[in-house]
N, C-alpha and C. Protein backbone atom coordinates (compact mmCIF):
# COMPACT_ATOMS: atom_id res chain seq x y z
N UNK A 1 -11.20 -9.60 29.07
CA UNK A 1 -11.64 -8.09 28.94
C UNK A 1 -10.51 -7.42 28.21
N UNK A 2 -9.36 -7.67 28.53
CA UNK A 2 -8.16 -6.76 27.86
C UNK A 2 -8.10 -7.16 26.36
N UNK A 3 -8.58 -8.47 25.96
CA UNK A 3 -8.40 -8.81 24.67
C UNK A 3 -9.47 -8.05 23.90
N UNK A 4 -10.58 -7.92 24.31
CA UNK A 4 -11.64 -7.10 23.69
C UNK A 4 -11.19 -5.53 23.47
N UNK A 5 -10.65 -5.04 24.68
CA UNK A 5 -10.20 -3.65 24.58
C UNK A 5 -9.13 -3.42 23.48
N UNK A 6 -8.26 -4.41 23.37
CA UNK A 6 -7.09 -4.36 22.55
C UNK A 6 -7.57 -4.22 21.16
N UNK A 7 -8.48 -5.13 20.80
CA UNK A 7 -9.11 -5.36 19.51
C UNK A 7 -9.82 -4.17 19.25
N UNK A 8 -10.74 -3.59 20.16
CA UNK A 8 -11.42 -2.36 19.92
C UNK A 8 -10.58 -1.18 19.63
N UNK A 9 -9.44 -0.99 20.47
CA UNK A 9 -8.57 0.21 20.13
C UNK A 9 -7.98 -0.05 18.82
N UNK A 10 -7.42 -1.33 18.33
CA UNK A 10 -6.92 -1.55 17.01
C UNK A 10 -7.96 -1.20 16.00
N UNK A 11 -9.22 -1.44 16.23
CA UNK A 11 -10.41 -1.19 15.19
C UNK A 11 -10.47 0.28 15.03
N UNK A 12 -10.56 0.99 16.10
CA UNK A 12 -10.62 2.35 16.24
C UNK A 12 -9.38 3.14 15.49
N UNK A 13 -8.26 2.65 15.81
CA UNK A 13 -7.05 3.20 15.18
C UNK A 13 -7.16 3.10 13.53
N UNK A 14 -7.60 1.86 13.18
CA UNK A 14 -7.61 1.69 11.75
C UNK A 14 -8.78 2.55 11.10
N UNK A 15 -9.91 2.48 11.68
CA UNK A 15 -10.82 3.53 11.38
C UNK A 15 -10.37 5.01 11.26
N UNK A 16 -9.64 5.36 12.24
CA UNK A 16 -9.10 6.62 12.11
C UNK A 16 -8.06 6.82 11.17
N UNK A 17 -7.27 5.92 10.90
CA UNK A 17 -6.34 6.01 9.69
C UNK A 17 -6.87 6.04 8.49
N UNK A 18 -8.06 5.37 8.20
CA UNK A 18 -8.75 5.44 7.00
C UNK A 18 -9.47 6.73 6.73
N UNK A 19 -10.06 7.26 7.94
CA UNK A 19 -10.61 8.62 7.86
C UNK A 19 -9.58 9.66 7.51
N UNK A 20 -8.24 9.43 8.08
CA UNK A 20 -7.46 10.66 7.80
C UNK A 20 -6.90 10.43 6.48
N UNK A 21 -6.82 9.32 5.90
CA UNK A 21 -6.27 9.21 4.55
C UNK A 21 -7.21 9.47 3.56
N UNK A 22 -8.47 9.04 3.85
CA UNK A 22 -9.58 9.75 2.98
C UNK A 22 -9.70 11.19 2.94
N UNK A 23 -9.50 11.74 4.04
CA UNK A 23 -9.53 13.15 4.07
C UNK A 23 -8.39 13.87 3.31
N UNK A 24 -7.19 13.31 3.47
CA UNK A 24 -6.21 13.77 2.79
C UNK A 24 -6.27 13.60 1.15
N UNK A 25 -6.73 12.37 0.65
CA UNK A 25 -7.12 12.33 -0.58
C UNK A 25 -7.98 13.31 -1.31
N UNK A 26 -9.13 13.54 -0.43
CA UNK A 26 -10.14 14.42 -0.77
C UNK A 26 -9.59 15.96 -0.78
N UNK A 27 -8.77 16.37 0.00
CA UNK A 27 -8.24 17.68 0.00
C UNK A 27 -7.29 17.84 -1.10
N UNK A 28 -6.44 16.87 -1.33
CA UNK A 28 -5.37 16.86 -2.42
C UNK A 28 -6.11 16.95 -3.78
N UNK A 29 -7.04 16.14 -3.90
CA UNK A 29 -7.90 16.07 -5.14
C UNK A 29 -8.40 17.47 -5.33
N UNK A 30 -9.30 17.91 -4.32
CA UNK A 30 -9.95 19.30 -4.58
C UNK A 30 -8.86 20.40 -4.85
N UNK A 31 -7.79 20.37 -4.30
CA UNK A 31 -6.63 21.30 -4.45
C UNK A 31 -6.03 21.24 -5.92
N UNK A 32 -5.71 20.03 -6.26
CA UNK A 32 -4.80 19.91 -7.34
C UNK A 32 -5.64 19.79 -8.73
N UNK A 33 -6.67 18.83 -8.74
CA UNK A 33 -7.26 18.42 -10.07
C UNK A 33 -7.99 19.58 -10.68
N UNK A 34 -8.80 20.25 -9.93
CA UNK A 34 -9.47 21.59 -10.54
C UNK A 34 -8.59 22.47 -11.27
N UNK A 35 -7.48 22.70 -10.44
CA UNK A 35 -6.36 23.72 -10.95
C UNK A 35 -5.53 23.22 -12.10
N UNK A 36 -5.32 21.81 -12.26
CA UNK A 36 -4.53 21.35 -13.30
C UNK A 36 -5.45 21.08 -14.46
N UNK A 37 -6.75 20.58 -14.28
CA UNK A 37 -7.55 20.19 -15.42
C UNK A 37 -8.91 21.03 -15.18
N UNK A 38 -9.13 21.90 -16.08
CA UNK A 38 -10.28 22.84 -16.02
C UNK A 38 -11.69 22.25 -15.62
N UNK A 39 -12.03 21.03 -16.22
CA UNK A 39 -13.21 20.49 -16.15
C UNK A 39 -13.50 19.56 -15.08
N UNK A 40 -12.44 19.39 -14.21
CA UNK A 40 -12.50 18.29 -13.16
C UNK A 40 -13.23 18.78 -12.06
N UNK A 41 -14.20 17.89 -11.66
CA UNK A 41 -15.11 18.26 -10.49
C UNK A 41 -14.37 17.91 -9.14
N UNK A 42 -14.81 18.69 -8.17
CA UNK A 42 -14.51 18.36 -6.85
C UNK A 42 -15.05 17.18 -6.31
N UNK A 43 -14.46 16.50 -5.39
CA UNK A 43 -15.11 15.21 -4.90
C UNK A 43 -15.46 15.34 -3.39
N UNK A 44 -16.32 14.61 -2.97
CA UNK A 44 -16.65 14.52 -1.52
C UNK A 44 -15.91 13.34 -0.78
N UNK A 45 -16.12 13.30 0.50
CA UNK A 45 -15.36 12.22 1.28
C UNK A 45 -15.65 10.84 0.91
N UNK A 46 -17.01 10.28 0.64
CA UNK A 46 -17.06 9.06 0.15
C UNK A 46 -16.29 8.75 -1.14
N UNK A 47 -16.22 9.79 -2.04
CA UNK A 47 -15.54 9.36 -3.26
C UNK A 47 -14.13 9.28 -3.12
N UNK A 48 -13.60 10.04 -2.15
CA UNK A 48 -12.29 9.99 -1.78
C UNK A 48 -11.87 8.79 -1.30
N UNK A 49 -12.79 8.15 -0.41
CA UNK A 49 -12.46 6.73 0.03
C UNK A 49 -12.55 5.76 -1.02
N UNK A 50 -13.42 5.82 -1.96
CA UNK A 50 -13.54 4.96 -3.11
C UNK A 50 -12.32 5.18 -3.97
N UNK A 51 -11.73 6.27 -4.23
CA UNK A 51 -10.55 6.40 -4.78
C UNK A 51 -9.38 5.91 -4.24
N UNK A 52 -9.34 5.92 -2.86
CA UNK A 52 -8.18 5.47 -2.12
C UNK A 52 -8.20 3.91 -2.30
N UNK A 53 -9.38 3.39 -2.03
CA UNK A 53 -9.44 2.02 -2.36
C UNK A 53 -9.18 1.43 -3.58
N UNK A 54 -9.54 2.30 -4.53
CA UNK A 54 -9.10 1.76 -6.00
C UNK A 54 -7.64 1.91 -6.35
N UNK A 55 -7.02 2.97 -5.85
CA UNK A 55 -5.66 3.10 -5.85
C UNK A 55 -4.86 1.94 -5.20
N UNK A 56 -5.30 1.70 -4.11
CA UNK A 56 -4.65 0.69 -3.19
C UNK A 56 -4.73 -0.76 -3.96
N UNK A 57 -5.99 -1.03 -4.64
CA UNK A 57 -5.95 -2.20 -5.46
C UNK A 57 -5.39 -2.18 -6.78
N UNK A 58 -5.13 -1.26 -7.47
CA UNK A 58 -4.40 -1.03 -8.64
C UNK A 58 -2.91 -1.04 -8.53
N UNK A 59 -2.51 -0.24 -7.41
CA UNK A 59 -1.09 0.11 -7.41
C UNK A 59 -0.21 -0.73 -6.22
N UNK A 60 -1.04 -0.88 -5.26
CA UNK A 60 -0.03 -1.31 -3.95
C UNK A 60 -0.79 -2.57 -3.31
N UNK A 61 -1.93 -3.02 -3.54
CA UNK A 61 -2.42 -4.10 -2.83
C UNK A 61 -2.72 -3.61 -1.45
N UNK A 62 -2.88 -4.58 -0.45
CA UNK A 62 -3.36 -4.32 0.81
C UNK A 62 -2.33 -4.73 1.77
N UNK A 63 -1.20 -5.11 1.50
CA UNK A 63 -0.23 -5.63 2.36
C UNK A 63 0.75 -4.58 2.80
N UNK A 64 1.20 -3.72 2.03
CA UNK A 64 2.31 -2.63 2.25
C UNK A 64 3.49 -3.35 2.08
N UNK A 65 4.48 -2.42 1.71
CA UNK A 65 5.86 -2.70 1.35
C UNK A 65 6.08 -3.71 0.21
N UNK A 66 5.43 -3.68 -0.71
CA UNK A 66 5.64 -4.58 -1.72
C UNK A 66 4.86 -5.99 -1.84
N UNK A 67 4.03 -6.30 -0.79
CA UNK A 67 3.24 -7.28 -0.72
C UNK A 67 3.95 -8.54 -0.23
N UNK A 68 3.39 -9.68 -0.27
CA UNK A 68 4.16 -10.98 0.30
C UNK A 68 5.10 -11.52 -0.52
N UNK A 69 5.18 -11.24 -1.89
CA UNK A 69 6.11 -11.76 -2.67
C UNK A 69 7.64 -11.34 -2.39
N UNK A 70 7.50 -10.07 -2.15
CA UNK A 70 8.93 -9.49 -1.93
C UNK A 70 9.72 -10.03 -0.56
N UNK A 71 8.77 -10.02 0.42
CA UNK A 71 9.18 -10.67 1.92
C UNK A 71 9.75 -12.11 1.44
N UNK A 72 8.93 -12.70 0.86
CA UNK A 72 9.30 -14.29 0.59
C UNK A 72 10.46 -14.51 -0.05
N UNK A 73 10.70 -13.74 -1.13
CA UNK A 73 11.98 -13.85 -1.91
C UNK A 73 13.15 -13.34 -1.00
N UNK A 74 12.86 -12.25 -0.16
CA UNK A 74 14.02 -11.82 0.63
C UNK A 74 14.36 -12.88 1.58
N UNK A 75 13.38 -13.46 2.21
CA UNK A 75 13.65 -14.44 3.33
C UNK A 75 14.46 -15.65 2.56
N UNK A 76 14.15 -16.06 1.29
CA UNK A 76 14.76 -17.05 0.71
C UNK A 76 16.22 -16.64 0.31
N UNK A 77 16.52 -15.35 0.02
CA UNK A 77 17.91 -14.89 -0.29
C UNK A 77 18.80 -14.90 0.94
N UNK A 78 18.09 -14.58 2.23
CA UNK A 78 18.78 -14.56 3.39
C UNK A 78 19.19 -15.80 3.88
N UNK A 79 18.37 -16.93 3.56
CA UNK A 79 18.91 -18.25 3.91
C UNK A 79 19.77 -18.97 2.86
N UNK A 80 20.25 -18.33 1.74
CA UNK A 80 21.04 -18.90 0.72
C UNK A 80 22.52 -18.83 1.38
N UNK A 81 23.26 -19.82 0.97
CA UNK A 81 24.81 -19.56 1.30
C UNK A 81 25.43 -18.81 0.08
N UNK A 82 26.52 -18.23 0.34
CA UNK A 82 27.25 -17.55 -0.61
C UNK A 82 27.42 -18.31 -1.98
N UNK A 83 27.62 -19.44 -1.99
CA UNK A 83 27.66 -20.36 -3.24
C UNK A 83 26.38 -20.47 -3.92
N UNK A 84 25.25 -20.59 -3.25
CA UNK A 84 23.99 -20.67 -3.76
C UNK A 84 23.66 -19.25 -4.30
N UNK A 85 24.05 -18.16 -3.68
CA UNK A 85 23.74 -16.88 -4.26
C UNK A 85 24.46 -16.62 -5.56
N UNK A 86 25.72 -17.07 -5.53
CA UNK A 86 26.62 -16.80 -6.73
C UNK A 86 25.93 -17.56 -7.93
N UNK A 87 25.38 -18.91 -7.67
CA UNK A 87 24.94 -19.74 -8.66
C UNK A 87 23.58 -19.10 -9.05
N UNK A 88 22.74 -18.53 -8.19
CA UNK A 88 21.46 -17.88 -8.55
C UNK A 88 21.85 -16.85 -9.47
N UNK A 89 22.63 -15.83 -9.15
CA UNK A 89 22.98 -14.68 -9.88
C UNK A 89 23.59 -15.06 -11.23
N UNK A 90 24.36 -16.02 -11.37
CA UNK A 90 24.83 -16.46 -12.69
C UNK A 90 23.73 -17.03 -13.63
N UNK A 91 22.82 -17.78 -13.05
CA UNK A 91 21.70 -18.39 -13.71
C UNK A 91 20.85 -17.17 -14.12
N UNK A 92 20.57 -16.27 -13.33
CA UNK A 92 19.80 -15.13 -13.58
C UNK A 92 20.32 -14.28 -14.82
N UNK A 93 21.65 -14.06 -14.69
CA UNK A 93 22.29 -13.13 -15.83
C UNK A 93 22.29 -13.89 -17.09
N UNK A 94 22.44 -15.23 -17.07
CA UNK A 94 22.44 -16.05 -18.28
C UNK A 94 21.13 -15.96 -18.96
N UNK A 95 20.01 -15.85 -18.24
CA UNK A 95 18.61 -15.89 -18.63
C UNK A 95 18.43 -14.62 -19.43
N UNK A 96 19.00 -13.49 -18.82
CA UNK A 96 18.61 -12.05 -19.46
C UNK A 96 19.87 -11.74 -20.16
């Protein structure tokens, strides 16, 4: 029973976060775009959610903090010895 309640609470928090972010995108768009670009139309909530998803796909992915590649490379760097780091940096600087 606790397992379901925890997942239900997590799902509700995610939905609330998506709703707040969508509302923020809609408000910012409707405040800025018509003022900056004269012919720009105002958008509604579903269009704001679509814009949010599109921006996440194009610029950020869905993982946050740079995606899985950054974390994987950082973990690899942390496990290197100082000699391996020096060798890696020398090889990288020779390449560029």
